[in-house]
Every structure is written in structure tokens, then in C-alpha cells.
PDB file of N, CA and C in Angstrom:
ATOM      1  N   UNK A   1     -69.305-122.947  71.528  1.00  0.00           N
ATOM      2  CA  UNK A   1     -69.750-123.684  70.366  1.00  0.00           C
ATOM      3  C   UNK A   1     -70.971-124.520  70.721  1.00  0.00           C
ATOM      4  N   UNK A   2     -71.816-124.705  69.754  1.00  0.00           N
ATOM      5  CA  UNK A   2     -73.053-125.434  69.980  1.00  0.00           C
ATOM      6  C   UNK A   2     -72.878-126.939  69.893  1.00  0.00           C
ATOM      7  N   UNK A   3     -71.796-127.391  69.311  1.00  0.00           N
ATOM      8  CA  UNK A   3     -71.586-128.827  69.199  1.00  0.00           C
ATOM      9  C   UNK A   3     -72.387-129.433  68.053  1.00  0.00           C
ATOM     10  N   UNK A   4     -72.668-130.734  68.128  1.00  0.00           N
ATOM     11  CA  UNK A   4     -73.338-131.418  67.019  1.00  0.00           C
ATOM     12  C   UNK A   4     -74.843-131.150  66.940  1.00  0.00           C
ATOM     13  N   UNK A   5     -75.407-130.485  67.917  1.00  0.00           N
ATOM     14  CA  UNK A   5     -76.856-130.280  67.953  1.00  0.00           C
ATOM     15  C   UNK A   5     -77.294-128.949  67.360  1.00  0.00           C
ATOM     16  N   UNK A   6     -76.661-128.527  66.298  1.00  0.00           N
ATOM     17  CA  UNK A   6     -77.023-127.259  65.673  1.00  0.00           C
ATOM     18  C   UNK A   6     -78.284-127.415  64.821  1.00  0.00           C
ATOM     19  N   UNK A   7     -79.146-126.460  64.887  1.00  0.00           N
ATOM     20  CA  UNK A   7     -80.335-126.372  64.029  1.00  0.00           C
ATOM     21  C   UNK A   7     -81.261-127.582  64.156  1.00  0.00           C
ATOM     22  N   UNK A   8     -81.346-128.177  65.312  1.00  0.00           N
ATOM     23  CA  UNK A   8     -82.157-129.381  65.509  1.00  0.00           C
ATOM     24  C   UNK A   8     -83.613-129.120  65.163  1.00  0.00           C
ATOM     25  N   UNK A   9     -84.185-128.031  65.652  1.00  0.00           N
ATOM     26  CA  UNK A   9     -85.599-127.747  65.431  1.00  0.00           C
ATOM     27  C   UNK A   9     -85.879-127.335  63.997  1.00  0.00           C
ATOM     28  N   UNK A  10     -84.941-126.639  63.373  1.00  0.00           N
ATOM     29  CA  UNK A  10     -85.102-126.275  61.962  1.00  0.00           C
ATOM     30  C   UNK A  10     -85.125-127.527  61.092  1.00  0.00           C
ATOM     31  N   UNK A  11     -84.186-128.449  61.346  1.00  0.00           N
ATOM     32  CA  UNK A  11     -84.122-129.680  60.557  1.00  0.00           C
ATOM     33  C   UNK A  11     -85.372-130.530  60.765  1.00  0.00           C
ATOM     34  N   UNK A  12     -85.845-130.592  61.987  1.00  0.00           N
ATOM     35  CA  UNK A  12     -87.053-131.362  62.282  1.00  0.00           C
ATOM     36  C   UNK A  12     -88.265-130.772  61.555  1.00  0.00           C
ATOM     37  N   UNK A  13     -88.368-129.447  61.545  1.00  0.00           N
ATOM     38  CA  UNK A  13     -89.470-128.782  60.847  1.00  0.00           C
ATOM     39  C   UNK A  13     -89.339-128.944  59.335  1.00  0.00           C
ATOM     40  N   UNK A  14     -88.110-128.957  58.818  1.00  0.00           N
ATOM     41  CA  UNK A  14     -87.906-129.166  57.385  1.00  0.00           C
ATOM     42  C   UNK A  14     -88.406-130.552  56.966  1.00  0.00           C
ATOM     43  N   UNK A  15     -88.091-131.565  57.747  1.00  0.00           N
ATOM     44  CA  UNK A  15     -88.534-132.929  57.440  1.00  0.00           C
ATOM     45  C   UNK A  15     -90.055-133.021  57.540  1.00  0.00           C
ATOM     46  N   UNK A  16     -90.633-132.369  58.522  1.00  0.00           N
ATOM     47  CA  UNK A  16     -92.098-132.372  58.661  1.00  0.00           C
ATOM     48  C   UNK A  16     -92.750-131.729  57.438  1.00  0.00           C
ATOM     49  N   UNK A  17     -92.162-130.633  56.948  1.00  0.00           N
ATOM     50  CA  UNK A  17     -92.660-129.986  55.741  1.00  0.00           C
ATOM     51  C   UNK A  17     -92.539-130.924  54.545  1.00  0.00           C
ATOM     52  N   UNK A  18     -91.399-131.608  54.424  1.00  0.00           N
ATOM     53  CA  UNK A  18     -91.194-132.542  53.322  1.00  0.00           C
ATOM     54  C   UNK A  18     -92.195-133.685  53.335  1.00  0.00           C
ATOM     55  N   UNK A  19     -92.461-134.231  54.507  1.00  0.00           N
ATOM     56  CA  UNK A  19     -93.453-135.309  54.611  1.00  0.00           C
ATOM     57  C   UNK A  19     -94.849-134.814  54.281  1.00  0.00           C
ATOM     58  N   UNK A  20     -95.129-133.559  54.642  1.00  0.00           N
ATOM     59  CA  UNK A  20     -96.436-132.970  54.341  1.00  0.00           C
ATOM     60  C   UNK A  20     -96.609-132.805  52.818  1.00  0.00           C
ATOM     61  N   UNK A  21     -95.540-132.419  52.123  1.00  0.00           N
ATOM     62  CA  UNK A  21     -95.602-132.221  50.671  1.00  0.00           C
ATOM     63  C   UNK A  21     -95.556-133.538  49.903  1.00  0.00           C
ATOM     64  N   UNK A  22     -95.036-134.579  50.515  1.00  0.00           N
ATOM     65  CA  UNK A  22     -94.905-135.862  49.828  1.00  0.00           C
ATOM     66  C   UNK A  22     -93.813-135.776  48.779  1.00  0.00           C
ATOM     67  N   UNK A  23     -94.052-136.326  47.624  1.00  0.00           N
ATOM     68  CA  UNK A  23     -93.071-136.314  46.532  1.00  0.00           C
ATOM     69  C   UNK A  23     -93.292-135.133  45.580  1.00  0.00           C
ATOM     70  N   UNK A  24     -94.132-134.216  45.968  1.00  0.00           N
ATOM     71  CA  UNK A  24     -94.439-133.038  45.150  1.00  0.00           C
ATOM     72  C   UNK A  24     -93.268-132.051  45.183  1.00  0.00           C
ATOM     73  N   UNK A  25     -92.951-131.456  44.042  1.00  0.00           N
ATOM     74  CA  UNK A  25     -91.904-130.446  43.979  1.00  0.00           C
ATOM     75  C   UNK A  25     -92.403-129.162  44.630  1.00  0.00           C
ATOM     76  N   UNK A  26     -91.490-128.438  45.268  1.00  0.00           N
ATOM     77  CA  UNK A  26     -91.877-127.187  45.919  1.00  0.00           C
ATOM     78  C   UNK A  26     -90.785-126.150  45.733  1.00  0.00           C
ATOM     79  N   UNK A  27     -91.179-124.898  45.842  1.00  0.00           N
ATOM     80  CA  UNK A  27     -90.233-123.802  45.698  1.00  0.00           C
ATOM     81  C   UNK A  27     -89.576-123.492  47.038  1.00  0.00           C
ATOM     82  N   UNK A  28     -88.421-122.883  46.961  1.00  0.00           N
ATOM     83  CA  UNK A  28     -87.646-122.524  48.146  1.00  0.00           C
ATOM     84  C   UNK A  28     -88.447-121.614  49.073  1.00  0.00           C
ATOM     85  N   UNK A  29     -89.200-120.683  48.493  1.00  0.00           N
ATOM     86  CA  UNK A  29     -89.977-119.728  49.294  1.00  0.00           C
ATOM     87  C   UNK A  29     -91.043-120.419  50.139  1.00  0.00           C
ATOM     88  N   UNK A  30     -91.564-121.552  49.672  1.00  0.00           N
ATOM     89  CA  UNK A  30     -92.585-122.281  50.425  1.00  0.00           C
ATOM     90  C   UNK A  30     -92.029-122.806  51.749  1.00  0.00           C
ATOM     91  N   UNK A  31     -90.876-123.442  51.697  1.00  0.00           N
ATOM     92  CA  UNK A  31     -90.297-123.989  52.922  1.00  0.00           C
ATOM     93  C   UNK A  31     -89.801-122.860  53.832  1.00  0.00           C
ATOM     94  N   UNK A  32     -89.322-121.775  53.254  1.00  0.00           N
ATOM     95  CA  UNK A  32     -88.900-120.621  54.046  1.00  0.00           C
ATOM     96  C   UNK A  32     -90.087-120.041  54.813  1.00  0.00           C
ATOM     97  N   UNK A  33     -91.222-119.892  54.129  1.00  0.00           N
ATOM     98  CA  UNK A  33     -92.431-119.376  54.787  1.00  0.00           C
ATOM     99  C   UNK A  33     -92.891-120.342  55.886  1.00  0.00           C
ATOM    100  N   UNK A  34     -92.851-121.642  55.596  1.00  0.00           N
ATOM    101  CA  UNK A  34     -93.281-122.649  56.564  1.00  0.00           C
ATOM    102  C   UNK A  34     -92.437-122.582  57.839  1.00  0.00           C
ATOM    103  N   UNK A  35     -91.115-122.508  57.687  1.00  0.00           N
ATOM    104  CA  UNK A  35     -90.243-122.464  58.863  1.00  0.00           C
ATOM    105  C   UNK A  35     -90.427-121.177  59.660  1.00  0.00           C
ATOM    106  N   UNK A  36     -90.590-120.071  58.988  1.00  0.00           N
ATOM    107  CA  UNK A  36     -90.741-118.794  59.687  1.00  0.00           C
ATOM    108  C   UNK A  36     -92.101-118.655  60.371  1.00  0.00           C
ATOM    109  N   UNK A  37     -93.076-119.466  59.975  1.00  0.00           N
ATOM    110  CA  UNK A  37     -94.411-119.414  60.571  1.00  0.00           C
ATOM    111  C   UNK A  37     -94.806-120.736  61.213  1.00  0.00           C
ATOM    112  N   UNK A  38     -93.822-121.554  61.563  1.00  0.00           N
ATOM    113  CA  UNK A  38     -94.069-122.889  62.109  1.00  0.00           C
ATOM    114  C   UNK A  38     -94.732-122.804  63.479  1.00  0.00           C
ATOM    115  N   UNK A  39     -95.822-123.549  63.645  1.00  0.00           N
ATOM    116  CA  UNK A  39     -96.548-123.630  64.911  1.00  0.00           C
ATOM    117  C   UNK A  39     -96.208-124.976  65.553  1.00  0.00           C
ATOM    118  N   UNK A  40     -95.703-124.928  66.775  1.00  0.00           N
ATOM    119  CA  UNK A  40     -95.322-126.145  67.481  1.00  0.00           C
ATOM    120  C   UNK A  40     -96.516-126.909  68.013  1.00  0.00           C
ATOM    121  N   UNK A  41     -96.256-127.995  68.734  1.00  0.00           N
ATOM    122  CA  UNK A  41     -97.317-128.852  69.254  1.00  0.00           C
ATOM    123  C   UNK A  41     -98.157-128.156  70.320  1.00  0.00           C
ATOM    124  N   UNK A  42     -97.605-127.116  70.955  1.00  0.00           N
ATOM    125  CA  UNK A  42     -98.365-126.415  71.982  1.00  0.00           C
ATOM    126  C   UNK A  42     -99.254-125.308  71.402  1.00  0.00           C
ATOM    127  N   UNK A  43     -99.247-125.155  70.078  1.00  0.00           N
ATOM    128  CA  UNK A  43    -100.102-124.176  69.428  1.00  0.00           C
ATOM    129  C   UNK A  43     -99.505-122.782  69.331  1.00  0.00           C
ATOM    130  N   UNK A  44     -98.267-122.635  69.713  1.00  0.00           N
ATOM    131  CA  UNK A  44     -97.603-121.335  69.662  1.00  0.00           C
ATOM    132  C   UNK A  44     -96.519-121.355  68.583  1.00  0.00           C
ATOM    133  N   UNK A  45     -96.193-120.191  68.007  1.00  0.00           N
ATOM    134  CA  UNK A  45     -95.092-120.150  67.034  1.00  0.00           C
ATOM    135  C   UNK A  45     -93.781-120.586  67.684  1.00  0.00           C
ATOM    136  N   UNK A  46     -93.049-121.420  66.990  1.00  0.00           N
ATOM    137  CA  UNK A  46     -91.775-121.918  67.518  1.00  0.00           C
ATOM    138  C   UNK A  46     -90.703-120.863  67.303  1.00  0.00           C
ATOM    139  N   UNK A  47     -89.991-120.496  68.352  1.00  0.00           N
ATOM    140  CA  UNK A  47     -88.963-119.461  68.277  1.00  0.00           C
ATOM    141  C   UNK A  47     -87.665-119.975  67.685  1.00  0.00           C
ATOM    142  N   UNK A  48     -87.480-121.287  67.616  1.00  0.00           N
ATOM    143  CA  UNK A  48     -86.215-121.855  67.158  1.00  0.00           C
ATOM    144  C   UNK A  48     -86.166-122.147  65.660  1.00  0.00           C
ATOM    145  N   UNK A  49     -87.308-122.101  64.967  1.00  0.00           N
ATOM    146  CA  UNK A  49     -87.322-122.502  63.558  1.00  0.00           C
ATOM    147  C   UNK A  49     -87.215-121.334  62.594  1.00  0.00           C
ATOM    148  N   UNK A  50     -87.306-120.118  63.067  1.00  0.00           N
ATOM    149  CA  UNK A  50     -87.181-118.967  62.182  1.00  0.00           C
ATOM    150  C   UNK A  50     -85.817-118.947  61.514  1.00  0.00           C
ATOM    151  N   UNK A  51     -85.772-118.566  60.245  1.00  0.00           N
ATOM    152  CA  UNK A  51     -84.524-118.626  59.497  1.00  0.00           C
ATOM    153  C   UNK A  51     -84.476-117.546  58.423  1.00  0.00           C
ATOM    154  N   UNK A  52     -83.320-117.419  57.808  1.00  0.00           N
ATOM    155  CA  UNK A  52     -83.123-116.476  56.712  1.00  0.00           C
ATOM    156  C   UNK A  52     -82.837-117.272  55.441  1.00  0.00           C
ATOM    157  N   UNK A  53     -83.011-116.675  54.273  1.00  0.00           N
ATOM    158  CA  UNK A  53     -82.730-117.414  53.028  1.00  0.00           C
ATOM    159  C   UNK A  53     -81.310-117.982  52.940  1.00  0.00           C
ATOM    160  N   UNK A  54     -80.259-117.232  53.292  1.00  0.00           N
ATOM    161  CA  UNK A  54     -78.917-117.840  53.201  1.00  0.00           C
ATOM    162  C   UNK A  54     -78.725-119.030  54.150  1.00  0.00           C
ATOM    163  N   UNK A  55     -79.274-118.925  55.354  1.00  0.00           N
ATOM    164  CA  UNK A  55     -79.125-120.014  56.320  1.00  0.00           C
ATOM    165  C   UNK A  55     -79.895-121.250  55.862  1.00  0.00           C
ATOM    166  N   UNK A  56     -81.126-121.055  55.410  1.00  0.00           N
ATOM    167  CA  UNK A  56     -81.933-122.184  54.944  1.00  0.00           C
ATOM    168  C   UNK A  56     -81.314-122.802  53.697  1.00  0.00           C
ATOM    169  N   UNK A  57     -80.756-121.988  52.836  1.00  0.00           N
ATOM    170  CA  UNK A  57     -80.103-122.500  51.630  1.00  0.00           C
ATOM    171  C   UNK A  57     -78.978-123.465  52.006  1.00  0.00           C
ATOM    172  N   UNK A  58     -78.180-123.102  52.972  1.00  0.00           N
ATOM    173  CA  UNK A  58     -77.096-123.986  53.422  1.00  0.00           C
ATOM    174  C   UNK A  58     -77.635-125.259  54.054  1.00  0.00           C
ATOM    175  N   UNK A  59     -78.668-125.124  54.877  1.00  0.00           N
ATOM    176  CA  UNK A  59     -79.228-126.292  55.558  1.00  0.00           C
ATOM    177  C   UNK A  59     -79.850-127.285  54.586  1.00  0.00           C
ATOM    178  N   UNK A  60     -80.604-126.769  53.619  1.00  0.00           N
ATOM    179  CA  UNK A  60     -81.317-127.669  52.707  1.00  0.00           C
ATOM    180  C   UNK A  60     -80.353-128.340  51.723  1.00  0.00           C
ATOM    181  N   UNK A  61     -79.263-127.662  51.372  1.00  0.00           N
ATOM    182  CA  UNK A  61     -78.287-128.247  50.451  1.00  0.00           C
ATOM    183  C   UNK A  61     -77.561-129.435  51.071  1.00  0.00           C
ATOM    184  N   UNK A  62     -77.266-129.371  52.375  1.00  0.00           N
ATOM    185  CA  UNK A  62     -76.527-130.469  53.008  1.00  0.00           C
ATOM    186  C   UNK A  62     -77.439-131.549  53.587  1.00  0.00           C
ATOM    187  N   UNK A  63     -78.756-131.308  53.597  1.00  0.00           N
ATOM    188  CA  UNK A  63     -79.680-132.298  54.155  1.00  0.00           C
ATOM    189  C   UNK A  63     -79.867-133.441  53.152  1.00  0.00           C
ATOM    190  N   UNK A  64     -79.672-134.689  53.580  1.00  0.00           N
ATOM    191  CA  UNK A  64     -79.744-135.810  52.635  1.00  0.00           C
ATOM    192  C   UNK A  64     -81.156-136.124  52.129  1.00  0.00           C
ATOM    193  N   UNK A  65     -82.196-135.584  52.762  1.00  0.00           N
ATOM    194  CA  UNK A  65     -83.564-135.902  52.366  1.00  0.00           C
ATOM    195  C   UNK A  65     -84.162-134.925  51.367  1.00  0.00           C
ATOM    196  N   UNK A  66     -83.386-133.965  50.891  1.00  0.00           N
ATOM    197  CA  UNK A  66     -83.900-132.988  49.933  1.00  0.00           C
ATOM    198  C   UNK A  66     -83.036-132.987  48.687  1.00  0.00           C
ATOM    199  N   UNK A  67     -83.694-132.888  47.533  1.00  0.00           N
ATOM    200  CA  UNK A  67     -82.996-132.910  46.248  1.00  0.00           C
ATOM    201  C   UNK A  67     -83.435-131.701  45.434  1.00  0.00           C
ATOM    202  N   UNK A  68     -82.470-131.055  44.792  1.00  0.00           N
ATOM    203  CA  UNK A  68     -82.741-129.877  43.976  1.00  0.00           C
ATOM    204  C   UNK A  68     -82.883-130.276  42.511  1.00  0.00           C
ATOM    205  N   UNK A  69     -83.898-129.714  41.840  1.00  0.00           N
ATOM    206  CA  UNK A  69     -84.112-129.919  40.411  1.00  0.00           C
ATOM    207  C   UNK A  69     -83.816-128.605  39.704  1.00  0.00           C
ATOM    208  N   UNK A  70     -82.598-128.438  39.182  1.00  0.00           N
ATOM    209  CA  UNK A  70     -82.203-127.141  38.617  1.00  0.00           C
ATOM    210  C   UNK A  70     -82.991-126.733  37.376  1.00  0.00           C
ATOM    211  N   UNK A  71     -83.479-127.706  36.590  1.00  0.00           N
ATOM    212  CA  UNK A  71     -84.223-127.357  35.392  1.00  0.00           C
ATOM    213  C   UNK A  71     -85.555-126.681  35.717  1.00  0.00           C
ATOM    214  N   UNK A  72     -86.119-126.976  36.884  1.00  0.00           N
ATOM    215  CA  UNK A  72     -87.388-126.372  37.307  1.00  0.00           C
ATOM    216  C   UNK A  72     -87.207-125.381  38.454  1.00  0.00           C
ATOM    217  N   UNK A  73     -86.003-125.278  38.975  1.00  0.00           N
ATOM    218  CA  UNK A  73     -85.701-124.416  40.131  1.00  0.00           C
ATOM    219  C   UNK A  73     -86.587-124.752  41.325  1.00  0.00           C
ATOM    220  N   UNK A  74     -86.776-126.047  41.547  1.00  0.00           N
ATOM    221  CA  UNK A  74     -87.614-126.503  42.659  1.00  0.00           C
ATOM    222  C   UNK A  74     -86.910-127.601  43.429  1.00  0.00           C
ATOM    223  N   UNK A  75     -87.399-127.837  44.643  1.00  0.00           N
ATOM    224  CA  UNK A  75     -86.861-128.854  45.539  1.00  0.00           C
ATOM    225  C   UNK A  75     -87.850-130.009  45.666  1.00  0.00           C
ATOM    226  N   UNK A  76     -87.334-131.165  46.056  1.00  0.00           N
ATOM    227  CA  UNK A  76     -88.164-132.342  46.277  1.00  0.00           C
ATOM    228  C   UNK A  76     -87.698-133.042  47.543  1.00  0.00           C
ATOM    229  N   UNK A  77     -88.666-133.517  48.326  1.00  0.00           N
ATOM    230  CA  UNK A  77     -88.339-134.313  49.506  1.00  0.00           C
ATOM    231  C   UNK A  77     -88.200-135.756  49.061  1.00  0.00           C
ATOM    232  N   UNK A  78     -87.036-136.368  49.306  1.00  0.00           N
ATOM    233  CA  UNK A  78     -86.797-137.748  48.872  1.00  0.00           C
ATOM    234  C   UNK A  78     -86.610-138.697  50.054  1.00  0.00           C
ATOM    235  N   UNK A  79     -86.837-138.200  51.261  1.00  0.00           N
ATOM    236  CA  UNK A  79     -86.685-139.029  52.458  1.00  0.00           C
ATOM    237  C   UNK A  79     -87.896-139.919  52.668  1.00  0.00           C
ATOM    238  N   UNK A  80     -87.890-140.707  53.737  1.00  0.00           N
ATOM    239  CA  UNK A  80     -89.030-141.582  54.039  1.00  0.00           C
ATOM    240  C   UNK A  80     -90.269-140.764  54.394  1.00  0.00           C
ATOM    241  N   UNK A  81     -91.425-141.180  53.866  1.00  0.00           N
ATOM    242  CA  UNK A  81     -92.659-140.443  54.128  1.00  0.00           C
ATOM    243  C   UNK A  81     -93.326-140.862  55.431  1.00  0.00           C
ATOM    244  N   UNK A  82     -93.083-142.104  55.875  1.00  0.00           N
ATOM    245  CA  UNK A  82     -93.646-142.555  57.148  1.00  0.00           C
ATOM    246  C   UNK A  82     -92.716-143.594  57.764  1.00  0.00           C
ATOM    247  N   UNK A  83     -93.094-144.117  58.909  1.00  0.00           N
ATOM    248  CA  UNK A  83     -92.248-145.055  59.630  1.00  0.00           C
ATOM    249  C   UNK A  83     -92.082-146.380  58.916  1.00  0.00           C
ATOM    250  N   UNK A  84     -93.072-146.807  58.105  1.00  0.00           N
ATOM    251  CA  UNK A  84     -92.972-148.095  57.438  1.00  0.00           C
ATOM    252  C   UNK A  84     -91.855-148.095  56.402  1.00  0.00           C
ATOM    253  N   UNK A  85     -91.585-146.955  55.762  1.00  0.00           N
ATOM    254  CA  UNK A  85     -90.482-146.876  54.801  1.00  0.00           C
ATOM    255  C   UNK A  85     -89.139-146.974  55.516  1.00  0.00           C
ATOM    256  N   UNK A  86     -89.047-146.457  56.723  1.00  0.00           N
ATOM    257  CA  UNK A  86     -87.802-146.505  57.482  1.00  0.00           C
ATOM    258  C   UNK A  86     -87.459-147.947  57.849  1.00  0.00           C
ATOM    259  N   UNK A  87     -88.476-148.729  58.203  1.00  0.00           N
ATOM    260  CA  UNK A  87     -88.240-150.115  58.600  1.00  0.00           C
ATOM    261  C   UNK A  87     -87.773-150.973  57.427  1.00  0.00           C
ATOM    262  N   UNK A  88     -88.208-150.664  56.210  1.00  0.00           N
ATOM    263  CA  UNK A  88     -87.839-151.445  55.036  1.00  0.00           C
ATOM    264  C   UNK A  88     -86.382-151.240  54.655  1.00  0.00           C
ATOM    265  N   UNK A  89     -85.819-150.073  54.949  1.00  0.00           N
ATOM    266  CA  UNK A  89     -84.454-149.760  54.523  1.00  0.00           C
ATOM    267  C   UNK A  89     -83.422-150.353  55.424  1.00  0.00           C
TER     268      UNK A  89
END
């Protein structure tokens, strides 16, 4: 078993994508494409962030920083956008 550290790099890349989009609504396919083509800090594609639609669907539904808007079929990042928001909470 992997323990509590499952999908660490996927979750980190999801939050980075959310901060990049800001409060703008986005489609599921956008974040899926971003994770599957994520380039790490060393300039190479990250091997740990690749995902499938069912796996990403489960991850994004349980992540507290993402909210689904069913009327528009889009997602929104509702987490902190930078470090200053984290300090205020």
C-alpha cells in the first residue's frame, strides 16, 4: 500500500493549474491536458502527473480547492491564489 502519500505530484500539479487559472471557470479536459503534459522544474515532462479521466475525476471531486458548477459543466479553483491568502485564514 502507498499509505497517505498517494497522488502527491498530481495534487500539486492540480493546485498549480488552479492558481494559474485564478477564479476563471475551466473545463475538465483543460486540467486533464495540463496534467498529462505537465513540465516539471527541470524542464522535462513529469512522469508522475499523467492521469486518466476516471482517476482525475475522483481526485478533483474530493479535493477541497475545486468546485464544480453543474449548470455550466465547468470547474472552478476556490483555494488560495498566493501565500498572502493562506496567512489571512
